[in-house]
Amino acid sequence: MYEAASPAATSRSGAGTGVRRASPATAALPATSATSCNTSIEDPSSFVDRPRPGRTLAIMSECTHVAELPRPEPVPSAQTCAECLELGSHPVQLRMCLGCGHVACCDSSPFRHATAHHHESGHPVMRSYEPGETWRWCFVDGSIV
């Protein structure tokens, strides 16, 4: 449908300069360059979080509940969600309560036992109990901590 550019057209398009010709799919998009971004390392104020329409972003913070957590971290109560096992369900991913070590399923699982544990116990912070994941979530503050 589209023909290859002739060498003359290629040289006029910026071949060898790192400039790429627009394809029919991208021709209507506005042109951008590496220098058009208004975030720079030299200007730390450009890293201020700005509200974005239609998105809620939890900002990593040190909430007051983290300071109240037991040290060292509690021993996990199980290797999987005991409530899911009792119901014959399969947890999507696991979470561990950092208040008592209770292991339960995430909110993507049908029964959302980690959130239910928070509502029943009042324990505010949990962490991922998945291998290689270290993030923590505060239910009270609604943020990653």
N, C-alpha and C. Protein backbone atom coordinates (compact mmCIF):
# COMPACT_ATOMS: atom_id res chain seq x y z
N MET A 1 0.82 -1.17 0.00
CA MET A 1 0.00 0.00 0.00
C MET A 1 0.87 1.25 0.00
N TYR A 2 1.96 1.27 0.80
CA TYR A 2 2.88 2.38 0.83
C TYR A 2 4.19 1.95 0.19
N GLU A 3 4.76 2.83 -0.58
CA GLU A 3 6.00 2.50 -1.26
C GLU A 3 7.19 2.92 -0.41
N ALA A 4 8.30 2.21 -0.60
CA ALA A 4 9.53 2.56 0.09
C ALA A 4 10.02 3.90 -0.44
N ALA A 5 10.63 4.68 0.42
CA ALA A 5 11.12 5.99 0.02
C ALA A 5 12.34 5.84 -0.87
N SER A 6 12.44 6.72 -1.85
CA SER A 6 13.62 6.72 -2.71
C SER A 6 14.80 7.28 -1.93
N PRO A 7 16.05 7.00 -2.34
CA PRO A 7 17.20 7.53 -1.62
C PRO A 7 17.14 9.04 -1.49
N ALA A 8 16.68 9.75 -2.52
CA ALA A 8 16.61 11.20 -2.45
C ALA A 8 15.61 11.63 -1.38
N ALA A 9 14.45 10.93 -1.34
CA ALA A 9 13.44 11.28 -0.34
C ALA A 9 13.94 10.94 1.06
N THR A 10 14.70 9.83 1.17
CA THR A 10 15.23 9.44 2.47
C THR A 10 16.21 10.48 2.99
N SER A 11 17.08 10.97 2.13
CA SER A 11 18.06 11.95 2.59
C SER A 11 17.37 13.25 2.99
N ARG A 12 16.31 13.61 2.30
CA ARG A 12 15.58 14.82 2.69
C ARG A 12 14.80 14.61 3.99
N SER A 13 14.51 13.34 4.34
CA SER A 13 13.71 13.09 5.54
C SER A 13 14.56 13.05 6.79
N GLY A 14 15.86 13.13 6.66
CA GLY A 14 16.70 13.14 7.84
C GLY A 14 17.37 11.81 8.09
N ALA A 15 17.50 10.95 7.07
CA ALA A 15 18.16 9.67 7.25
C ALA A 15 19.57 9.90 7.75
N GLY A 16 19.99 9.08 8.68
CA GLY A 16 21.32 9.20 9.23
C GLY A 16 21.40 10.24 10.34
N THR A 17 20.33 10.95 10.59
CA THR A 17 20.34 11.98 11.64
C THR A 17 19.54 11.53 12.86
N GLY A 18 18.99 10.35 12.82
CA GLY A 18 18.17 9.86 13.92
C GLY A 18 16.73 10.30 13.83
N VAL A 19 16.35 11.03 12.80
CA VAL A 19 14.97 11.47 12.63
C VAL A 19 14.25 10.43 11.80
N ARG A 20 13.10 9.99 12.26
CA ARG A 20 12.35 8.98 11.54
C ARG A 20 11.16 9.62 10.86
N ARG A 21 10.84 9.10 9.68
CA ARG A 21 9.68 9.60 8.94
C ARG A 21 8.42 9.08 9.60
N ALA A 22 7.38 9.88 9.56
CA ALA A 22 6.10 9.49 10.12
C ALA A 22 5.46 8.42 9.24
N SER A 23 4.90 7.42 9.89
CA SER A 23 4.13 6.41 9.17
C SER A 23 2.71 6.94 9.05
N PRO A 24 1.88 6.33 8.21
CA PRO A 24 0.49 6.78 8.11
C PRO A 24 -0.23 6.75 9.47
N ALA A 25 0.15 5.82 10.35
CA ALA A 25 -0.51 5.71 11.65
C ALA A 25 -0.08 6.83 12.60
N THR A 26 1.13 7.36 12.43
CA THR A 26 1.62 8.37 13.36
C THR A 26 1.68 9.76 12.75
N ALA A 27 1.33 9.91 11.51
CA ALA A 27 1.44 11.20 10.84
C ALA A 27 0.59 12.27 11.51
N ALA A 28 -0.56 11.89 12.09
CA ALA A 28 -1.44 12.89 12.68
C ALA A 28 -1.05 13.24 14.11
N LEU A 29 -0.08 12.52 14.71
CA LEU A 29 0.33 12.80 16.08
C LEU A 29 1.22 14.03 16.12
N PRO A 30 1.17 14.80 17.20
CA PRO A 30 2.03 15.97 17.29
C PRO A 30 3.50 15.55 17.40
N ALA A 31 4.36 16.34 16.83
CA ALA A 31 5.79 16.05 16.86
C ALA A 31 6.31 16.30 18.26
N THR A 32 7.20 15.42 18.72
CA THR A 32 7.83 15.59 20.02
C THR A 32 9.32 15.36 19.86
N SER A 33 10.05 15.81 20.82
CA SER A 33 11.49 15.55 20.81
C SER A 33 11.92 15.25 22.22
N ALA A 34 13.15 14.78 22.37
CA ALA A 34 13.67 14.46 23.69
C ALA A 34 13.77 15.70 24.55
N THR A 35 13.85 16.86 23.95
CA THR A 35 13.97 18.09 24.72
C THR A 35 12.62 18.74 25.00
N SER A 36 11.53 18.17 24.51
CA SER A 36 10.23 18.79 24.72
C SER A 36 9.63 18.43 26.07
N CYS A 37 10.19 17.49 26.78
CA CYS A 37 9.70 17.11 28.10
C CYS A 37 10.02 18.23 29.09
N ASN A 38 9.06 18.63 29.91
CA ASN A 38 9.33 19.71 30.84
C ASN A 38 9.77 19.22 32.21
N THR A 39 10.27 18.00 32.31
CA THR A 39 10.84 17.48 33.54
C THR A 39 12.34 17.36 33.33
N SER A 40 13.10 17.97 34.20
CA SER A 40 14.55 17.87 34.07
C SER A 40 15.16 17.53 35.40
N ILE A 41 16.31 16.90 35.36
CA ILE A 41 17.02 16.53 36.57
C ILE A 41 17.48 17.79 37.30
N GLU A 42 17.80 18.83 36.55
CA GLU A 42 18.29 20.06 37.16
C GLU A 42 17.18 20.81 37.90
N ASP A 43 15.92 20.53 37.60
CA ASP A 43 14.81 21.24 38.21
C ASP A 43 13.99 20.29 39.07
N PRO A 44 14.36 20.10 40.37
CA PRO A 44 13.65 19.14 41.22
C PRO A 44 12.18 19.49 41.40
N SER A 45 11.79 20.76 41.26
CA SER A 45 10.38 21.11 41.42
C SER A 45 9.51 20.48 40.34
N SER A 46 10.14 20.06 39.23
CA SER A 46 9.36 19.43 38.17
C SER A 46 8.88 18.04 38.54
N PHE A 47 9.38 17.49 39.67
CA PHE A 47 8.98 16.16 40.10
C PHE A 47 7.78 16.19 41.05
N VAL A 48 7.20 17.34 41.29
CA VAL A 48 6.03 17.46 42.14
C VAL A 48 4.90 16.67 41.50
N ASP A 49 4.23 15.86 42.31
CA ASP A 49 3.13 15.06 41.78
C ASP A 49 1.98 15.98 41.42
N ARG A 50 1.46 15.81 40.24
CA ARG A 50 0.34 16.62 39.76
C ARG A 50 -0.89 15.72 39.62
N PRO A 51 -2.05 16.23 40.00
CA PRO A 51 -3.27 15.42 39.81
C PRO A 51 -3.47 15.11 38.33
N ARG A 52 -3.88 13.91 38.06
CA ARG A 52 -4.14 13.49 36.69
C ARG A 52 -5.59 13.07 36.60
N PRO A 53 -6.34 13.62 35.66
CA PRO A 53 -7.76 13.29 35.55
C PRO A 53 -7.99 11.79 35.39
N GLY A 54 -8.94 11.27 36.14
CA GLY A 54 -9.33 9.87 35.99
C GLY A 54 -8.37 8.88 36.62
N ARG A 55 -7.36 9.35 37.36
CA ARG A 55 -6.41 8.43 37.99
C ARG A 55 -6.25 8.78 39.45
N THR A 56 -6.17 7.75 40.28
CA THR A 56 -5.83 7.93 41.67
C THR A 56 -4.54 7.18 41.89
N LEU A 57 -3.52 7.88 42.33
CA LEU A 57 -2.21 7.27 42.51
C LEU A 57 -1.85 7.35 43.98
N ALA A 58 -1.62 6.19 44.58
CA ALA A 58 -1.18 6.17 45.96
C ALA A 58 0.31 6.51 45.99
N ILE A 59 0.67 7.47 46.76
CA ILE A 59 2.04 7.91 46.85
C ILE A 59 2.72 7.17 48.00
N MET A 60 3.94 6.66 47.73
CA MET A 60 4.68 5.97 48.75
C MET A 60 5.00 6.97 49.86
N SER A 61 4.66 6.60 51.09
CA SER A 61 4.87 7.51 52.21
C SER A 61 5.19 6.72 53.46
N GLU A 62 5.61 7.42 54.47
CA GLU A 62 5.84 6.81 55.77
C GLU A 62 4.68 7.23 56.66
N CYS A 63 3.66 6.40 56.71
CA CYS A 63 2.48 6.73 57.52
C CYS A 63 2.79 6.51 58.99
N THR A 64 1.94 7.03 59.86
CA THR A 64 2.17 6.89 61.29
C THR A 64 2.03 5.45 61.76
N HIS A 65 1.33 4.63 61.00
CA HIS A 65 1.11 3.23 61.40
C HIS A 65 2.36 2.38 61.26
N VAL A 66 3.24 2.73 60.35
CA VAL A 66 4.47 1.95 60.14
C VAL A 66 5.34 1.98 61.39
N ALA A 67 5.44 3.14 62.03
CA ALA A 67 6.26 3.27 63.24
C ALA A 67 5.74 2.39 64.38
N GLU A 68 4.46 2.06 64.35
CA GLU A 68 3.85 1.26 65.40
C GLU A 68 3.94 -0.25 65.16
N LEU A 69 4.48 -0.66 64.01
CA LEU A 69 4.56 -2.09 63.69
C LEU A 69 5.57 -2.81 64.58
N PRO A 70 5.29 -4.08 64.89
CA PRO A 70 6.25 -4.84 65.70
C PRO A 70 7.56 -5.05 64.93
N ARG A 71 8.67 -5.00 65.66
CA ARG A 71 9.99 -5.29 65.08
C ARG A 71 10.59 -6.42 65.89
N PRO A 72 11.08 -7.48 65.33
CA PRO A 72 11.07 -7.78 63.89
C PRO A 72 9.65 -8.11 63.41
N GLU A 73 9.56 -8.26 62.10
CA GLU A 73 8.29 -8.59 61.46
C GLU A 73 7.74 -9.90 62.04
N PRO A 74 6.41 -10.00 62.22
CA PRO A 74 5.82 -11.24 62.75
C PRO A 74 6.08 -12.44 61.84
N VAL A 75 6.04 -13.60 62.43
CA VAL A 75 6.21 -14.86 61.68
C VAL A 75 4.90 -15.12 60.92
N PRO A 76 4.98 -15.49 59.64
CA PRO A 76 3.75 -15.78 58.86
C PRO A 76 2.95 -16.91 59.49
N SER A 77 1.64 -16.75 59.52
CA SER A 77 0.76 -17.74 60.13
C SER A 77 0.61 -19.00 59.28
N ALA A 78 0.85 -18.89 57.99
CA ALA A 78 0.67 -20.01 57.06
C ALA A 78 1.42 -19.71 55.76
N GLN A 79 1.44 -20.67 54.87
CA GLN A 79 2.06 -20.46 53.56
C GLN A 79 1.05 -20.06 52.49
N THR A 80 -0.23 -20.14 52.85
CA THR A 80 -1.30 -19.74 51.92
C THR A 80 -2.48 -19.21 52.73
N CYS A 81 -3.52 -18.83 52.06
CA CYS A 81 -4.70 -18.30 52.72
C CYS A 81 -5.54 -19.46 53.28
N ALA A 82 -5.55 -19.59 54.61
CA ALA A 82 -6.28 -20.69 55.26
C ALA A 82 -7.78 -20.59 54.99
N GLU A 83 -8.31 -19.37 54.96
CA GLU A 83 -9.74 -19.19 54.70
C GLU A 83 -10.13 -19.69 53.32
N CYS A 84 -9.27 -19.41 52.33
CA CYS A 84 -9.54 -19.90 50.97
C CYS A 84 -9.50 -21.43 50.92
N LEU A 85 -8.53 -22.03 51.62
CA LEU A 85 -8.45 -23.49 51.66
C LEU A 85 -9.73 -24.10 52.24
N GLU A 86 -10.22 -23.50 53.33
CA GLU A 86 -11.44 -23.99 53.96
C GLU A 86 -12.64 -23.91 53.01
N LEU A 87 -12.66 -22.87 52.17
CA LEU A 87 -13.77 -22.67 51.24
C LEU A 87 -13.59 -23.40 49.91
N GLY A 88 -12.42 -23.99 49.70
CA GLY A 88 -12.14 -24.65 48.43
C GLY A 88 -11.83 -23.66 47.32
N SER A 89 -11.42 -22.45 47.69
CA SER A 89 -11.08 -21.41 46.72
C SER A 89 -9.57 -21.34 46.55
N HIS A 90 -9.16 -20.66 45.50
CA HIS A 90 -7.73 -20.50 45.23
C HIS A 90 -7.37 -19.02 45.29
N PRO A 91 -6.43 -18.62 46.17
CA PRO A 91 -6.04 -17.22 46.24
C PRO A 91 -5.28 -16.79 45.00
N VAL A 92 -5.54 -15.57 44.51
CA VAL A 92 -4.82 -15.04 43.36
C VAL A 92 -3.40 -14.70 43.78
N GLN A 93 -3.27 -13.87 44.81
CA GLN A 93 -1.97 -13.54 45.40
C GLN A 93 -2.15 -13.43 46.90
N LEU A 94 -1.04 -13.51 47.62
CA LEU A 94 -1.10 -13.51 49.07
C LEU A 94 -0.58 -12.22 49.67
N ARG A 95 -1.12 -11.88 50.84
CA ARG A 95 -0.71 -10.72 51.61
C ARG A 95 -0.50 -11.18 53.05
N MET A 96 0.42 -10.50 53.76
CA MET A 96 0.66 -10.84 55.16
C MET A 96 0.45 -9.61 56.03
N CYS A 97 -0.32 -9.75 57.08
CA CYS A 97 -0.57 -8.68 58.03
C CYS A 97 0.72 -8.43 58.81
N LEU A 98 1.16 -7.19 58.86
CA LEU A 98 2.38 -6.85 59.58
C LEU A 98 2.12 -6.59 61.06
N GLY A 99 0.87 -6.71 61.47
CA GLY A 99 0.55 -6.60 62.88
C GLY A 99 0.64 -7.94 63.60
N CYS A 100 0.23 -9.02 62.90
CA CYS A 100 0.17 -10.33 63.56
C CYS A 100 0.71 -11.48 62.72
N GLY A 101 1.00 -11.26 61.44
CA GLY A 101 1.53 -12.33 60.58
C GLY A 101 0.47 -13.13 59.86
N HIS A 102 -0.80 -12.75 59.97
CA HIS A 102 -1.88 -13.48 59.30
C HIS A 102 -1.69 -13.41 57.78
N VAL A 103 -1.69 -14.57 57.12
CA VAL A 103 -1.55 -14.64 55.66
C VAL A 103 -2.94 -14.83 55.07
N ALA A 104 -3.27 -13.98 54.08
CA ALA A 104 -4.60 -14.04 53.47
C ALA A 104 -4.51 -13.64 52.00
N CYS A 105 -5.60 -13.83 51.28
CA CYS A 105 -5.64 -13.54 49.84
C CYS A 105 -5.89 -12.06 49.57
N CYS A 106 -5.50 -11.63 48.39
CA CYS A 106 -5.58 -10.23 47.98
C CYS A 106 -6.99 -9.86 47.52
N ASP A 107 -7.17 -8.59 47.17
CA ASP A 107 -8.47 -8.11 46.71
C ASP A 107 -8.84 -8.59 45.31
N SER A 108 -7.89 -9.19 44.58
CA SER A 108 -8.22 -9.78 43.28
C SER A 108 -8.77 -11.19 43.45
N SER A 109 -8.66 -11.74 44.65
CA SER A 109 -9.22 -13.06 44.95
C SER A 109 -10.71 -12.90 45.25
N PRO A 110 -11.48 -13.95 45.04
CA PRO A 110 -12.94 -13.83 45.21
C PRO A 110 -13.39 -13.37 46.59
N PHE A 111 -12.67 -13.77 47.65
CA PHE A 111 -13.16 -13.49 49.00
C PHE A 111 -12.43 -12.36 49.72
N ARG A 112 -11.35 -11.84 49.17
CA ARG A 112 -10.63 -10.68 49.71
C ARG A 112 -10.37 -10.80 51.21
N HIS A 113 -9.76 -11.93 51.61
CA HIS A 113 -9.56 -12.20 53.03
C HIS A 113 -8.58 -11.25 53.72
N ALA A 114 -7.59 -10.70 53.02
CA ALA A 114 -6.65 -9.75 53.66
C ALA A 114 -7.39 -8.49 54.09
N THR A 115 -8.26 -7.97 53.23
CA THR A 115 -9.04 -6.79 53.58
C THR A 115 -10.02 -7.13 54.70
N ALA A 116 -10.63 -8.30 54.64
CA ALA A 116 -11.54 -8.72 55.71
C ALA A 116 -10.79 -8.81 57.04
N HIS A 117 -9.55 -9.30 57.02
CA HIS A 117 -8.75 -9.37 58.25
C HIS A 117 -8.52 -7.97 58.81
N HIS A 118 -8.22 -7.02 57.94
CA HIS A 118 -8.03 -5.63 58.41
C HIS A 118 -9.30 -5.12 59.07
N HIS A 119 -10.46 -5.34 58.46
CA HIS A 119 -11.73 -4.85 59.03
C HIS A 119 -12.03 -5.52 60.36
N GLU A 120 -11.71 -6.80 60.48
CA GLU A 120 -11.99 -7.53 61.72
C GLU A 120 -11.00 -7.20 62.83
N SER A 121 -9.72 -7.07 62.48
CA SER A 121 -8.67 -6.90 63.49
C SER A 121 -8.29 -5.45 63.76
N GLY A 122 -8.48 -4.58 62.77
CA GLY A 122 -8.03 -3.21 62.89
C GLY A 122 -6.54 -3.04 62.59
N HIS A 123 -5.85 -4.12 62.23
CA HIS A 123 -4.43 -4.02 61.90
C HIS A 123 -4.30 -3.24 60.59
N PRO A 124 -3.54 -2.15 60.59
CA PRO A 124 -3.56 -1.24 59.45
C PRO A 124 -2.66 -1.59 58.27
N VAL A 125 -1.54 -2.28 58.51
CA VAL A 125 -0.54 -2.44 57.44
C VAL A 125 -0.32 -3.90 57.10
N MET A 126 -0.28 -4.18 55.81
CA MET A 126 0.06 -5.52 55.32
C MET A 126 1.13 -5.37 54.26
N ARG A 127 1.74 -6.49 53.91
CA ARG A 127 2.71 -6.49 52.81
C ARG A 127 2.40 -7.63 51.88
N SER A 128 2.97 -7.54 50.68
CA SER A 128 2.83 -8.64 49.74
C SER A 128 3.54 -9.85 50.32
N TYR A 129 2.96 -11.01 50.16
CA TYR A 129 3.59 -12.25 50.59
C TYR A 129 3.98 -13.08 49.37
N GLU A 130 4.19 -12.39 48.26
CA GLU A 130 4.61 -13.02 47.02
C GLU A 130 6.14 -12.96 46.93
N PRO A 131 6.78 -14.01 46.41
CA PRO A 131 8.25 -14.02 46.27
C PRO A 131 8.73 -12.84 45.43
N GLY A 132 9.75 -12.16 45.93
CA GLY A 132 10.35 -11.05 45.20
C GLY A 132 9.64 -9.72 45.35
N GLU A 133 8.52 -9.67 46.05
CA GLU A 133 7.80 -8.42 46.24
C GLU A 133 7.98 -7.94 47.68
N THR A 134 8.24 -6.65 47.85
CA THR A 134 8.50 -6.11 49.19
C THR A 134 7.60 -4.93 49.56
N TRP A 135 6.63 -4.57 48.72
CA TRP A 135 5.81 -3.41 49.00
C TRP A 135 4.85 -3.68 50.15
N ARG A 136 4.47 -2.58 50.83
CA ARG A 136 3.54 -2.63 51.96
C ARG A 136 2.38 -1.68 51.68
N TRP A 137 1.22 -1.97 52.26
CA TRP A 137 0.03 -1.16 52.04
C TRP A 137 -0.60 -0.84 53.39
N CYS A 138 -0.93 0.43 53.59
CA CYS A 138 -1.66 0.85 54.77
C CYS A 138 -3.14 1.00 54.39
N PHE A 139 -3.98 0.17 54.98
CA PHE A 139 -5.42 0.23 54.70
C PHE A 139 -6.03 1.54 55.18
N VAL A 140 -5.57 2.05 56.32
CA VAL A 140 -6.12 3.26 56.89
C VAL A 140 -5.80 4.48 56.02
N ASP A 141 -4.53 4.61 55.64
CA ASP A 141 -4.12 5.75 54.83
C ASP A 141 -4.37 5.56 53.35
N GLY A 142 -4.64 4.32 52.94
CA GLY A 142 -4.90 4.04 51.52
C GLY A 142 -3.69 4.32 50.64
N SER A 143 -2.50 3.94 51.15
CA SER A 143 -1.29 4.22 50.38
C SER A 143 -0.22 3.15 50.57
N ILE A 144 0.67 3.11 49.60
CA ILE A 144 1.83 2.25 49.70
C ILE A 144 2.80 2.91 50.67
N VAL A 145 3.30 2.14 51.63
CA VAL A 145 4.20 2.71 52.64
C VAL A 145 5.52 1.95 52.71
